[in-house]
């Protein structure tokens, strides 16, 4: 029988995509949600639902019962390391055999970006926990461009930083596909994977592509 997999962040972007792809593989999946009332969209996938909260360690033990693997992902939060470490501790006690953590490209203890330091702290804690793990470091999500939809529609413009800087934006569906394969497959333990899109684009490049598609 395939290993049962717990997916945290199951109603979020990457967690939700990973959940859908694992369900499509007909693997036994349990989705961790803080509020079951908000889980209607994923219940239709036929996955098991468990209520729990990374902020409440006692709720994690029942969620991990009978689970062999877990996806670790949560929304950015100044307490991110503490919250994700709660899951790692609970997973260690439960004898989990593999954790796949969604981190971020550029994660480092000395990064000037707080978000990247938070991920680095959890990566280090996970590496020292003794639980077999895989780290996925995706680049910027392509879906972030959707935040510009309003000004593109109303003004034919969007406003962004980075000037001529380029990044290999990646679709969250692709991140979910990599995460699902890391959880479903073998031989990924102890490895760190960078997850990127097919090309590095500046915002000017993206504007040109949008102009071509929109004919505007």
N, C-alpha and C. Protein backbone atom coordinates (compact mmCIF):
# COMPACT_ATOMS: atom_id res chain seq x y z
N UNK A 1 0.85 -1.19 0.00
CA UNK A 1 0.00 0.00 0.00
C UNK A 1 0.89 1.25 0.00
N UNK A 2 0.57 2.25 -0.82
CA UNK A 2 1.40 3.46 -0.85
C UNK A 2 1.40 4.18 0.50
N UNK A 3 2.48 4.92 0.73
CA UNK A 3 2.60 5.68 1.97
C UNK A 3 1.56 6.78 2.03
N UNK A 4 0.96 6.97 3.22
CA UNK A 4 0.03 8.08 3.40
C UNK A 4 0.83 9.37 3.57
N UNK A 5 0.37 10.44 2.92
CA UNK A 5 1.08 11.71 2.89
C UNK A 5 0.23 12.81 3.52
N UNK A 6 0.82 13.56 4.43
CA UNK A 6 0.15 14.73 5.01
C UNK A 6 0.60 15.97 4.25
N UNK A 7 -0.36 16.79 3.83
CA UNK A 7 -0.05 18.04 3.14
C UNK A 7 -0.48 19.20 4.03
N UNK A 8 0.50 19.98 4.50
CA UNK A 8 0.17 21.20 5.23
C UNK A 8 -0.07 22.31 4.21
N UNK A 9 -0.65 23.41 4.66
CA UNK A 9 -0.94 24.50 3.72
C UNK A 9 -1.84 24.05 2.59
N UNK A 10 -2.75 23.11 2.88
CA UNK A 10 -3.51 22.44 1.83
C UNK A 10 -4.48 23.36 1.10
N UNK A 11 -4.86 24.48 1.69
CA UNK A 11 -5.77 25.41 1.01
C UNK A 11 -5.01 26.58 0.37
N UNK A 12 -3.68 26.53 0.41
CA UNK A 12 -2.86 27.58 -0.17
C UNK A 12 -2.45 27.28 -1.60
N UNK A 13 -1.58 28.12 -2.14
CA UNK A 13 -1.17 27.97 -3.54
C UNK A 13 -0.39 26.68 -3.79
N UNK A 14 0.80 26.56 -3.19
CA UNK A 14 1.64 25.40 -3.45
C UNK A 14 1.07 24.14 -2.80
N UNK A 15 0.60 24.26 -1.57
CA UNK A 15 0.02 23.11 -0.90
C UNK A 15 -1.17 22.55 -1.65
N UNK A 16 -2.02 23.46 -2.13
CA UNK A 16 -3.20 23.03 -2.87
C UNK A 16 -2.85 22.35 -4.17
N UNK A 17 -1.87 22.89 -4.90
CA UNK A 17 -1.45 22.27 -6.16
C UNK A 17 -0.82 20.90 -5.92
N UNK A 18 0.00 20.80 -4.87
CA UNK A 18 0.61 19.50 -4.55
C UNK A 18 -0.46 18.49 -4.20
N UNK A 19 -1.44 18.93 -3.42
CA UNK A 19 -2.55 18.06 -3.03
C UNK A 19 -3.29 17.53 -4.26
N UNK A 20 -3.59 18.41 -5.20
CA UNK A 20 -4.31 17.99 -6.41
C UNK A 20 -3.50 16.97 -7.21
N UNK A 21 -2.20 17.19 -7.29
CA UNK A 21 -1.38 16.28 -8.10
C UNK A 21 -1.18 14.93 -7.42
N UNK A 22 -1.10 14.94 -6.10
CA UNK A 22 -1.01 13.66 -5.37
C UNK A 22 -2.31 12.88 -5.50
N UNK A 23 -3.43 13.61 -5.41
CA UNK A 23 -4.74 12.96 -5.55
C UNK A 23 -4.89 12.37 -6.95
N UNK A 24 -4.36 13.07 -7.96
CA UNK A 24 -4.43 12.58 -9.35
C UNK A 24 -3.62 11.30 -9.52
N UNK A 25 -2.61 11.12 -8.66
CA UNK A 25 -1.80 9.90 -8.70
C UNK A 25 -2.43 8.77 -7.88
N UNK A 26 -3.63 9.05 -7.34
CA UNK A 26 -4.38 8.07 -6.54
C UNK A 26 -3.61 7.63 -5.29
N UNK A 27 -2.85 8.58 -4.71
CA UNK A 27 -2.12 8.28 -3.49
C UNK A 27 -2.96 8.66 -2.27
N UNK A 28 -2.81 7.96 -1.15
CA UNK A 28 -3.56 8.31 0.05
C UNK A 28 -3.03 9.61 0.66
N UNK A 29 -3.87 10.62 0.71
CA UNK A 29 -3.45 11.95 1.14
C UNK A 29 -4.35 12.45 2.25
N UNK A 30 -3.74 13.10 3.21
CA UNK A 30 -4.48 13.78 4.29
C UNK A 30 -4.12 15.26 4.24
N UNK A 31 -5.12 16.11 4.19
CA UNK A 31 -4.91 17.55 4.11
C UNK A 31 -5.06 18.18 5.49
N UNK A 32 -4.06 18.93 5.92
CA UNK A 32 -4.12 19.64 7.19
C UNK A 32 -4.71 21.03 6.96
N UNK A 33 -5.82 21.32 7.62
CA UNK A 33 -6.46 22.63 7.48
C UNK A 33 -6.77 23.19 8.87
N UNK A 34 -6.71 24.51 8.98
CA UNK A 34 -7.05 25.13 10.26
C UNK A 34 -8.55 25.23 10.45
N UNK A 35 -9.29 25.37 9.37
CA UNK A 35 -10.73 25.54 9.44
C UNK A 35 -11.39 24.63 8.41
N UNK A 36 -12.06 23.61 8.89
CA UNK A 36 -12.66 22.64 7.95
C UNK A 36 -13.70 23.29 7.04
N UNK A 37 -14.34 24.35 7.52
CA UNK A 37 -15.35 25.02 6.71
C UNK A 37 -14.77 25.60 5.43
N UNK A 38 -13.45 25.86 5.43
CA UNK A 38 -12.80 26.44 4.26
C UNK A 38 -12.19 25.38 3.35
N UNK A 39 -12.48 24.12 3.66
CA UNK A 39 -11.85 23.02 2.92
C UNK A 39 -12.76 22.39 1.88
N UNK A 40 -13.89 23.02 1.58
CA UNK A 40 -14.85 22.42 0.64
C UNK A 40 -14.23 22.14 -0.72
N UNK A 41 -13.40 23.06 -1.19
CA UNK A 41 -12.81 22.92 -2.53
C UNK A 41 -11.90 21.70 -2.62
N UNK A 42 -11.21 21.38 -1.53
CA UNK A 42 -10.30 20.24 -1.60
C UNK A 42 -10.97 18.93 -1.19
N UNK A 43 -12.07 19.01 -0.45
CA UNK A 43 -12.80 17.79 -0.10
C UNK A 43 -13.31 17.09 -1.35
N UNK A 44 -13.59 17.87 -2.41
CA UNK A 44 -14.09 17.28 -3.65
C UNK A 44 -13.05 16.40 -4.33
N UNK A 45 -11.78 16.53 -3.90
CA UNK A 45 -10.71 15.71 -4.47
C UNK A 45 -10.72 14.29 -3.89
N UNK A 46 -11.53 14.10 -2.85
CA UNK A 46 -11.59 12.79 -2.23
C UNK A 46 -10.48 12.52 -1.24
N UNK A 47 -9.83 13.58 -0.75
CA UNK A 47 -8.75 13.42 0.22
C UNK A 47 -9.29 13.48 1.63
N UNK A 48 -8.54 12.93 2.55
CA UNK A 48 -8.91 12.97 3.96
C UNK A 48 -8.59 14.36 4.52
N UNK A 49 -9.46 14.87 5.38
CA UNK A 49 -9.27 16.19 5.98
C UNK A 49 -8.97 16.04 7.47
N UNK A 50 -7.94 16.75 7.94
CA UNK A 50 -7.60 16.77 9.36
C UNK A 50 -7.49 18.23 9.80
N UNK A 51 -8.17 18.59 10.87
CA UNK A 51 -8.06 19.93 11.40
C UNK A 51 -6.83 20.01 12.31
N UNK A 52 -6.04 21.05 12.10
CA UNK A 52 -4.84 21.23 12.92
C UNK A 52 -4.22 22.56 12.61
N UNK A 53 -3.31 22.97 13.47
CA UNK A 53 -2.71 24.30 13.35
C UNK A 53 -1.25 24.20 13.78
N UNK A 54 -0.34 24.72 12.95
CA UNK A 54 1.07 24.69 13.31
C UNK A 54 1.34 25.47 14.60
N UNK A 55 0.44 26.37 14.94
CA UNK A 55 0.60 27.15 16.16
C UNK A 55 0.16 26.38 17.39
N UNK A 56 -0.51 25.24 17.17
CA UNK A 56 -1.02 24.43 18.27
C UNK A 56 -0.47 23.01 18.13
N UNK A 57 0.73 22.78 18.68
CA UNK A 57 1.42 21.49 18.48
C UNK A 57 0.58 20.26 18.82
N UNK A 58 -0.30 20.37 19.83
CA UNK A 58 -1.10 19.21 20.23
C UNK A 58 -2.05 18.75 19.13
N UNK A 59 -2.40 19.65 18.22
CA UNK A 59 -3.31 19.27 17.13
C UNK A 59 -2.58 18.53 16.01
N UNK A 60 -1.26 18.55 16.04
CA UNK A 60 -0.50 17.94 14.95
C UNK A 60 -0.33 16.44 15.12
N UNK A 61 -0.32 15.97 16.35
CA UNK A 61 -0.12 14.54 16.58
C UNK A 61 -1.22 13.69 15.97
N UNK A 62 -2.51 14.04 16.19
CA UNK A 62 -3.56 13.25 15.53
C UNK A 62 -3.48 13.33 14.01
N UNK A 63 -3.10 14.50 13.48
CA UNK A 63 -3.01 14.68 12.04
C UNK A 63 -1.93 13.81 11.43
N UNK A 64 -0.89 13.50 12.20
CA UNK A 64 0.24 12.72 11.70
C UNK A 64 0.09 11.22 11.93
N UNK A 65 -0.95 10.82 12.62
CA UNK A 65 -1.14 9.41 12.93
C UNK A 65 -1.33 8.60 11.64
N UNK A 66 -0.51 7.59 11.46
CA UNK A 66 -0.60 6.74 10.29
C UNK A 66 0.04 7.32 9.04
N UNK A 67 0.69 8.48 9.18
CA UNK A 67 1.32 9.16 8.05
C UNK A 67 2.80 8.77 7.96
N UNK A 68 3.31 8.60 6.75
CA UNK A 68 4.72 8.28 6.56
C UNK A 68 5.53 9.42 5.95
N UNK A 69 4.85 10.33 5.21
CA UNK A 69 5.53 11.44 4.56
C UNK A 69 4.72 12.71 4.74
N UNK A 70 5.40 13.87 4.62
CA UNK A 70 4.68 15.13 4.80
C UNK A 70 5.26 16.24 3.93
N UNK A 71 4.37 17.10 3.44
CA UNK A 71 4.77 18.34 2.78
C UNK A 71 4.69 19.45 3.81
N UNK A 72 5.78 20.21 3.95
CA UNK A 72 5.83 21.30 4.92
C UNK A 72 5.84 22.63 4.18
N UNK A 73 4.74 23.36 4.27
CA UNK A 73 4.64 24.68 3.64
C UNK A 73 3.62 25.49 4.45
N UNK A 74 3.89 26.77 4.61
CA UNK A 74 2.96 27.65 5.32
C UNK A 74 3.14 29.06 4.80
N UNK A 75 2.19 29.91 5.12
CA UNK A 75 2.23 31.30 4.67
C UNK A 75 3.39 32.03 5.35
N UNK A 76 3.98 33.03 4.68
CA UNK A 76 5.07 33.81 5.30
C UNK A 76 4.59 34.43 6.60
N UNK A 77 5.44 34.36 7.62
CA UNK A 77 5.08 34.85 8.94
C UNK A 77 6.37 35.09 9.71
N UNK A 78 6.47 36.17 10.47
CA UNK A 78 7.68 36.39 11.27
C UNK A 78 8.00 35.23 12.21
N UNK A 79 6.96 34.45 12.56
CA UNK A 79 7.15 33.28 13.43
C UNK A 79 7.27 31.99 12.61
N UNK A 80 7.55 32.13 11.34
CA UNK A 80 7.54 30.97 10.45
C UNK A 80 8.43 29.84 10.94
N UNK A 81 9.64 30.16 11.36
CA UNK A 81 10.56 29.10 11.81
C UNK A 81 9.97 28.36 13.01
N UNK A 82 9.45 29.09 13.96
CA UNK A 82 8.86 28.46 15.14
C UNK A 82 7.68 27.56 14.75
N UNK A 83 6.81 28.06 13.89
CA UNK A 83 5.62 27.31 13.51
C UNK A 83 5.98 26.06 12.71
N UNK A 84 6.88 26.20 11.74
CA UNK A 84 7.26 25.03 10.95
C UNK A 84 8.07 24.03 11.79
N UNK A 85 8.84 24.53 12.72
CA UNK A 85 9.59 23.62 13.59
C UNK A 85 8.66 22.77 14.45
N UNK A 86 7.48 23.31 14.79
CA UNK A 86 6.50 22.52 15.54
C UNK A 86 6.09 21.27 14.76
N UNK A 87 5.93 21.43 13.45
CA UNK A 87 5.59 20.26 12.62
C UNK A 87 6.74 19.28 12.55
N UNK A 88 7.96 19.80 12.45
CA UNK A 88 9.14 18.93 12.39
C UNK A 88 9.26 18.12 13.68
N UNK A 89 9.06 18.77 14.82
CA UNK A 89 9.14 18.08 16.11
C UNK A 89 8.08 16.98 16.19
N UNK A 90 6.85 17.32 15.79
CA UNK A 90 5.76 16.34 15.85
C UNK A 90 6.02 15.19 14.88
N UNK A 91 6.58 15.50 13.71
CA UNK A 91 6.89 14.46 12.73
C UNK A 91 7.96 13.52 13.25
N UNK A 92 8.93 14.07 13.95
CA UNK A 92 10.00 13.23 14.51
C UNK A 92 9.43 12.27 15.55
N UNK A 93 8.55 12.79 16.40
CA UNK A 93 7.92 11.93 17.42
C UNK A 93 7.06 10.85 16.78
N UNK A 94 6.44 11.18 15.64
CA UNK A 94 5.55 10.23 14.98
C UNK A 94 6.29 9.24 14.09
N UNK A 95 7.60 9.43 13.92
CA UNK A 95 8.38 8.51 13.10
C UNK A 95 8.20 8.72 11.61
N UNK A 96 7.89 9.96 11.21
CA UNK A 96 7.73 10.26 9.79
C UNK A 96 9.03 9.96 9.05
N UNK A 97 8.92 9.36 7.86
CA UNK A 97 10.10 8.91 7.13
C UNK A 97 10.61 9.88 6.08
N UNK A 98 9.84 10.95 5.80
CA UNK A 98 10.31 11.89 4.77
C UNK A 98 9.48 13.18 4.85
N UNK A 99 10.16 14.32 4.94
CA UNK A 99 9.52 15.63 4.88
C UNK A 99 10.05 16.37 3.65
N UNK A 100 9.14 16.88 2.85
CA UNK A 100 9.51 17.76 1.74
C UNK A 100 9.13 19.18 2.15
N UNK A 101 10.14 20.04 2.27
CA UNK A 101 9.88 21.42 2.69
C UNK A 101 9.95 22.37 1.51
N UNK A 102 8.94 23.21 1.40
CA UNK A 102 8.95 24.29 0.41
C UNK A 102 9.69 25.47 1.01
N UNK A 103 10.83 25.80 0.45
CA UNK A 103 11.64 26.92 0.92
C UNK A 103 11.58 28.01 -0.15
N UNK A 104 12.67 28.69 -0.41
CA UNK A 104 12.70 29.74 -1.43
C UNK A 104 14.11 29.89 -1.97
N UNK A 105 14.22 30.20 -3.24
CA UNK A 105 15.52 30.43 -3.83
C UNK A 105 16.22 31.59 -3.12
N UNK A 106 17.48 31.39 -2.76
CA UNK A 106 18.23 32.43 -2.05
C UNK A 106 18.17 32.32 -0.55
N UNK A 107 17.49 31.30 -0.02
CA UNK A 107 17.42 31.14 1.43
C UNK A 107 18.83 31.01 2.02
N UNK A 108 19.12 31.83 3.01
CA UNK A 108 20.45 31.83 3.64
C UNK A 108 20.36 32.53 4.99
N UNK A 109 21.14 32.06 5.97
CA UNK A 109 21.10 32.68 7.30
C UNK A 109 21.50 34.15 7.30
N UNK A 110 22.34 34.55 6.36
CA UNK A 110 22.82 35.93 6.33
C UNK A 110 22.15 36.77 5.24
N UNK A 111 21.03 36.29 4.71
CA UNK A 111 20.34 37.05 3.67
C UNK A 111 19.86 38.40 4.21
N UNK A 112 19.83 39.39 3.35
CA UNK A 112 19.30 40.70 3.74
C UNK A 112 17.77 40.70 3.72
N UNK A 113 17.17 39.62 3.23
CA UNK A 113 15.71 39.50 3.15
C UNK A 113 15.23 38.61 4.30
N UNK A 114 14.39 39.15 5.17
CA UNK A 114 13.95 38.41 6.35
C UNK A 114 13.26 37.09 5.97
N UNK A 115 12.43 37.11 4.95
CA UNK A 115 11.72 35.93 4.48
C UNK A 115 12.68 34.79 4.16
N UNK A 116 13.82 35.12 3.57
CA UNK A 116 14.81 34.10 3.21
C UNK A 116 15.57 33.60 4.43
N UNK A 117 15.75 34.46 5.42
CA UNK A 117 16.38 34.01 6.68
C UNK A 117 15.45 33.05 7.43
N UNK A 118 14.15 33.32 7.39
CA UNK A 118 13.20 32.42 8.06
C UNK A 118 13.29 31.02 7.45
N UNK A 119 13.31 30.95 6.13
CA UNK A 119 13.40 29.64 5.49
C UNK A 119 14.73 28.95 5.83
N UNK A 120 15.80 29.71 5.85
CA UNK A 120 17.11 29.11 6.16
C UNK A 120 17.11 28.51 7.56
N UNK A 121 16.46 29.19 8.50
CA UNK A 121 16.41 28.70 9.88
C UNK A 121 15.69 27.35 9.94
N UNK A 122 14.58 27.22 9.21
CA UNK A 122 13.86 25.95 9.22
C UNK A 122 14.63 24.87 8.49
N UNK A 123 15.28 25.23 7.40
CA UNK A 123 16.10 24.24 6.69
C UNK A 123 17.15 23.66 7.63
N UNK A 124 17.80 24.52 8.39
CA UNK A 124 18.85 24.06 9.31
C UNK A 124 18.25 23.17 10.40
N UNK A 125 17.11 23.58 10.94
CA UNK A 125 16.45 22.80 11.99
C UNK A 125 16.05 21.42 11.46
N UNK A 126 15.53 21.39 10.25
CA UNK A 126 15.11 20.13 9.64
C UNK A 126 16.32 19.22 9.40
N UNK A 127 17.42 19.80 8.93
CA UNK A 127 18.62 19.01 8.67
C UNK A 127 19.18 18.38 9.94
N UNK A 128 18.99 19.06 11.06
CA UNK A 128 19.51 18.57 12.34
C UNK A 128 18.54 17.66 13.07
N UNK A 129 17.30 17.55 12.55
CA UNK A 129 16.26 16.80 13.26
C UNK A 129 16.44 15.29 13.18
N UNK A 130 17.13 14.84 12.15
CA UNK A 130 17.25 13.40 11.94
C UNK A 130 16.17 12.83 11.06
N UNK A 131 15.17 13.64 10.71
CA UNK A 131 14.10 13.18 9.81
C UNK A 131 14.58 13.32 8.36
N UNK A 132 14.51 12.29 7.55
CA UNK A 132 14.91 12.42 6.14
C UNK A 132 14.11 13.54 5.47
N UNK A 133 14.76 14.32 4.63
CA UNK A 133 14.10 15.50 4.09
C UNK A 133 14.55 15.79 2.66
N UNK A 134 13.73 16.59 1.99
CA UNK A 134 14.07 17.18 0.70
C UNK A 134 13.69 18.65 0.76
N UNK A 135 14.55 19.53 0.26
CA UNK A 135 14.28 20.96 0.23
C UNK A 135 13.99 21.38 -1.21
N UNK A 136 12.89 22.08 -1.41
CA UNK A 136 12.57 22.66 -2.71
C UNK A 136 12.66 24.17 -2.59
N UNK A 137 13.46 24.78 -3.46
CA UNK A 137 13.64 26.24 -3.43
C UNK A 137 13.14 26.85 -4.74
N UNK A 138 11.85 27.16 -4.80
CA UNK A 138 11.33 27.79 -6.01
C UNK A 138 11.69 29.27 -6.08
N UNK A 139 11.67 29.80 -7.30
CA UNK A 139 11.86 31.23 -7.50
C UNK A 139 10.49 31.92 -7.39
N UNK A 140 10.42 33.19 -7.76
CA UNK A 140 9.16 33.94 -7.67
C UNK A 140 8.03 33.20 -8.38
N UNK A 141 6.84 33.25 -7.79
CA UNK A 141 5.68 32.61 -8.41
C UNK A 141 5.18 33.44 -9.59
N UNK A 142 4.92 32.81 -10.71
CA UNK A 142 4.34 33.50 -11.85
C UNK A 142 2.97 34.09 -11.49
N UNK A 143 2.24 33.40 -10.61
CA UNK A 143 0.91 33.88 -10.22
C UNK A 143 0.95 35.24 -9.52
N UNK A 144 2.13 35.66 -9.04
CA UNK A 144 2.22 36.98 -8.42
C UNK A 144 1.87 38.09 -9.41
N UNK A 145 2.03 37.82 -10.70
CA UNK A 145 1.68 38.81 -11.71
C UNK A 145 0.19 39.15 -11.71
N UNK A 146 -0.62 38.26 -11.17
CA UNK A 146 -2.06 38.52 -11.14
C UNK A 146 -2.41 39.73 -10.27
N UNK A 147 -1.51 40.11 -9.37
CA UNK A 147 -1.78 41.29 -8.54
C UNK A 147 -1.78 42.56 -9.38
N UNK A 148 -1.23 42.48 -10.58
CA UNK A 148 -1.20 43.65 -11.47
C UNK A 148 -2.40 43.72 -12.39
N UNK A 149 -3.30 42.76 -12.30
CA UNK A 149 -4.40 42.68 -13.26
C UNK A 149 -5.25 43.95 -13.29
N UNK A 150 -5.49 44.53 -12.13
CA UNK A 150 -6.34 45.71 -12.06
C UNK A 150 -5.79 46.89 -12.84
N UNK A 151 -4.53 47.21 -12.61
CA UNK A 151 -3.93 48.37 -13.30
C UNK A 151 -3.68 48.08 -14.78
N UNK A 152 -3.44 46.81 -15.12
CA UNK A 152 -3.28 46.46 -16.54
C UNK A 152 -4.61 46.68 -17.26
N UNK A 153 -5.71 46.26 -16.63
CA UNK A 153 -7.03 46.40 -17.26
C UNK A 153 -7.46 47.86 -17.35
N UNK A 154 -7.19 48.64 -16.29
CA UNK A 154 -7.69 50.01 -16.26
C UNK A 154 -6.76 51.04 -16.91
N UNK A 155 -5.45 50.78 -16.84
CA UNK A 155 -4.49 51.78 -17.31
C UNK A 155 -3.58 51.27 -18.43
N UNK A 156 -3.57 49.97 -18.64
CA UNK A 156 -2.61 49.41 -19.58
C UNK A 156 -1.19 49.48 -19.03
N UNK A 157 -1.06 49.46 -17.70
CA UNK A 157 0.24 49.57 -17.03
C UNK A 157 0.27 48.67 -15.81
N UNK A 158 1.49 48.34 -15.37
CA UNK A 158 1.66 47.80 -14.02
C UNK A 158 2.92 48.39 -13.43
N UNK A 159 2.95 48.42 -12.12
CA UNK A 159 4.02 49.12 -11.40
C UNK A 159 4.79 48.10 -10.55
N UNK A 160 6.11 48.06 -10.73
CA UNK A 160 6.90 47.06 -10.03
C UNK A 160 8.32 47.56 -9.79
N UNK A 161 9.01 46.86 -8.95
CA UNK A 161 10.40 47.22 -8.63
C UNK A 161 11.35 46.42 -9.51
N UNK A 162 12.61 46.38 -9.17
CA UNK A 162 13.66 45.58 -9.82
C UNK A 162 14.24 46.20 -11.08
N UNK A 163 13.64 47.26 -11.63
CA UNK A 163 14.16 47.93 -12.82
C UNK A 163 14.45 46.89 -13.91
N UNK A 164 15.74 46.68 -14.27
CA UNK A 164 16.07 45.74 -15.34
C UNK A 164 16.45 44.36 -14.81
N UNK A 165 16.26 44.15 -13.52
CA UNK A 165 16.57 42.85 -12.93
C UNK A 165 15.68 41.75 -13.52
N UNK A 166 16.23 40.55 -13.61
CA UNK A 166 15.49 39.43 -14.20
C UNK A 166 15.34 38.29 -13.19
N UNK A 167 14.26 37.55 -13.34
CA UNK A 167 14.03 36.38 -12.49
C UNK A 167 13.34 35.30 -13.31
N UNK A 168 13.61 34.05 -12.96
CA UNK A 168 13.01 32.91 -13.68
C UNK A 168 11.71 32.52 -12.98
N UNK A 169 10.67 33.32 -13.21
CA UNK A 169 9.36 33.09 -12.59
C UNK A 169 8.86 31.68 -12.90
N UNK A 170 8.19 31.08 -11.92
CA UNK A 170 7.75 29.69 -12.09
C UNK A 170 6.28 29.57 -11.67
N UNK A 171 5.54 28.80 -12.41
CA UNK A 171 4.12 28.56 -12.13
C UNK A 171 4.00 27.67 -10.89
N UNK A 172 3.06 28.01 -10.00
CA UNK A 172 2.90 27.19 -8.79
C UNK A 172 2.46 25.77 -9.13
N UNK A 173 1.84 25.59 -10.29
CA UNK A 173 1.47 24.23 -10.70
C UNK A 173 2.70 23.38 -10.97
N UNK A 174 3.75 24.02 -11.46
CA UNK A 174 5.00 23.29 -11.68
C UNK A 174 5.68 22.98 -10.36
N UNK A 175 5.59 23.91 -9.41
CA UNK A 175 6.16 23.65 -8.08
C UNK A 175 5.43 22.48 -7.43
N UNK A 176 4.10 22.48 -7.56
CA UNK A 176 3.31 21.38 -7.02
C UNK A 176 3.68 20.05 -7.65
N UNK A 177 3.98 20.07 -8.95
CA UNK A 177 4.36 18.83 -9.65
C UNK A 177 5.68 18.29 -9.12
N UNK A 178 6.64 19.18 -8.88
CA UNK A 178 7.93 18.75 -8.34
C UNK A 178 7.75 18.20 -6.93
N UNK A 179 6.96 18.90 -6.12
CA UNK A 179 6.73 18.45 -4.74
C UNK A 179 6.05 17.09 -4.71
N UNK A 180 5.06 16.91 -5.59
CA UNK A 180 4.36 15.62 -5.63
C UNK A 180 5.29 14.48 -6.01
N UNK A 181 6.17 14.73 -6.97
CA UNK A 181 7.11 13.68 -7.38
C UNK A 181 8.14 13.40 -6.29
N UNK A 182 8.56 14.44 -5.57
CA UNK A 182 9.52 14.23 -4.48
C UNK A 182 8.90 13.39 -3.37
N UNK A 183 7.59 13.57 -3.14
CA UNK A 183 6.89 12.81 -2.11
C UNK A 183 6.55 11.40 -2.57
N UNK A 184 6.18 11.27 -3.83
CA UNK A 184 5.73 9.98 -4.34
C UNK A 184 6.89 9.08 -4.75
N UNK A 185 8.02 9.70 -5.13
CA UNK A 185 9.14 8.94 -5.64
C UNK A 185 10.12 8.51 -4.56
N UNK A 186 11.26 8.02 -4.99
CA UNK A 186 12.31 7.58 -4.08
C UNK A 186 13.63 8.23 -4.48
N UNK A 187 14.56 8.29 -3.54
CA UNK A 187 15.89 8.79 -3.85
C UNK A 187 16.06 10.29 -3.75
N UNK A 188 15.05 11.00 -3.21
CA UNK A 188 15.15 12.45 -3.11
C UNK A 188 15.60 12.94 -1.73
N UNK A 189 15.74 12.02 -0.81
CA UNK A 189 16.14 12.40 0.55
C UNK A 189 17.53 13.02 0.57
N UNK A 190 17.66 14.08 1.38
CA UNK A 190 18.96 14.73 1.54
C UNK A 190 19.32 15.66 0.40
N UNK A 191 18.39 15.91 -0.52
CA UNK A 191 18.68 16.74 -1.68
C UNK A 191 17.94 18.07 -1.63
N UNK A 192 18.54 19.07 -2.26
CA UNK A 192 17.93 20.38 -2.40
C UNK A 192 17.78 20.68 -3.89
N UNK A 193 16.57 21.03 -4.30
CA UNK A 193 16.29 21.31 -5.71
C UNK A 193 15.87 22.77 -5.89
N UNK A 194 16.47 23.44 -6.86
CA UNK A 194 16.00 24.76 -7.27
C UNK A 194 14.90 24.55 -8.30
N UNK A 195 13.80 25.27 -8.14
CA UNK A 195 12.65 25.12 -9.03
C UNK A 195 12.41 26.45 -9.72
N UNK A 196 12.65 26.50 -11.03
CA UNK A 196 12.55 27.76 -11.76
C UNK A 196 11.66 27.62 -12.99
N UNK A 197 11.34 28.76 -13.57
CA UNK A 197 10.67 28.77 -14.86
C UNK A 197 11.68 28.57 -15.97
N UNK A 198 11.23 28.56 -17.24
CA UNK A 198 12.10 28.24 -18.36
C UNK A 198 13.05 29.35 -18.78
N UNK A 199 12.77 30.61 -18.35
CA UNK A 199 13.66 31.71 -18.76
C UNK A 199 13.59 32.84 -17.74
N UNK A 200 14.69 33.59 -17.68
CA UNK A 200 14.75 34.76 -16.79
C UNK A 200 14.14 35.96 -17.50
N UNK A 201 13.20 36.61 -16.84
CA UNK A 201 12.48 37.73 -17.44
C UNK A 201 12.55 38.97 -16.55
N UNK A 202 12.71 40.11 -17.18
CA UNK A 202 12.54 41.38 -16.47
C UNK A 202 11.07 41.75 -16.56
N UNK A 203 10.66 42.76 -15.79
CA UNK A 203 9.28 43.20 -15.88
C UNK A 203 9.00 43.82 -17.26
N UNK A 204 10.02 44.42 -17.87
CA UNK A 204 9.84 44.95 -19.23
C UNK A 204 9.60 43.80 -20.21
N UNK A 205 10.32 42.68 -20.03
CA UNK A 205 10.10 41.50 -20.87
C UNK A 205 8.66 41.00 -20.72
N UNK A 206 8.19 40.97 -19.48
CA UNK A 206 6.85 40.47 -19.22
C UNK A 206 5.80 41.40 -19.82
N UNK A 207 6.07 42.72 -19.74
CA UNK A 207 5.15 43.68 -20.35
C UNK A 207 5.06 43.46 -21.86
N UNK A 208 6.19 43.17 -22.51
CA UNK A 208 6.18 42.92 -23.94
C UNK A 208 5.38 41.65 -24.28
N UNK A 209 5.54 40.63 -23.48
CA UNK A 209 4.80 39.40 -23.72
C UNK A 209 3.29 39.61 -23.52
N UNK A 210 2.94 40.35 -22.48
CA UNK A 210 1.53 40.65 -22.24
C UNK A 210 0.95 41.49 -23.39
N UNK A 211 1.73 42.44 -23.85
CA UNK A 211 1.28 43.28 -24.96
C UNK A 211 0.99 42.44 -26.20
N UNK A 212 1.86 41.47 -26.46
CA UNK A 212 1.68 40.63 -27.63
C UNK A 212 0.42 39.78 -27.51
N UNK A 213 0.19 39.22 -26.32
CA UNK A 213 -0.98 38.37 -26.11
C UNK A 213 -2.27 39.18 -26.11
N UNK A 214 -2.24 40.34 -25.45
CA UNK A 214 -3.42 41.18 -25.32
C UNK A 214 -3.67 42.05 -26.55
N UNK A 215 -2.65 42.13 -27.43
CA UNK A 215 -2.70 43.00 -28.61
C UNK A 215 -3.05 44.43 -28.19
N UNK A 216 -2.36 44.87 -27.16
CA UNK A 216 -2.62 46.19 -26.59
C UNK A 216 -1.34 46.81 -26.12
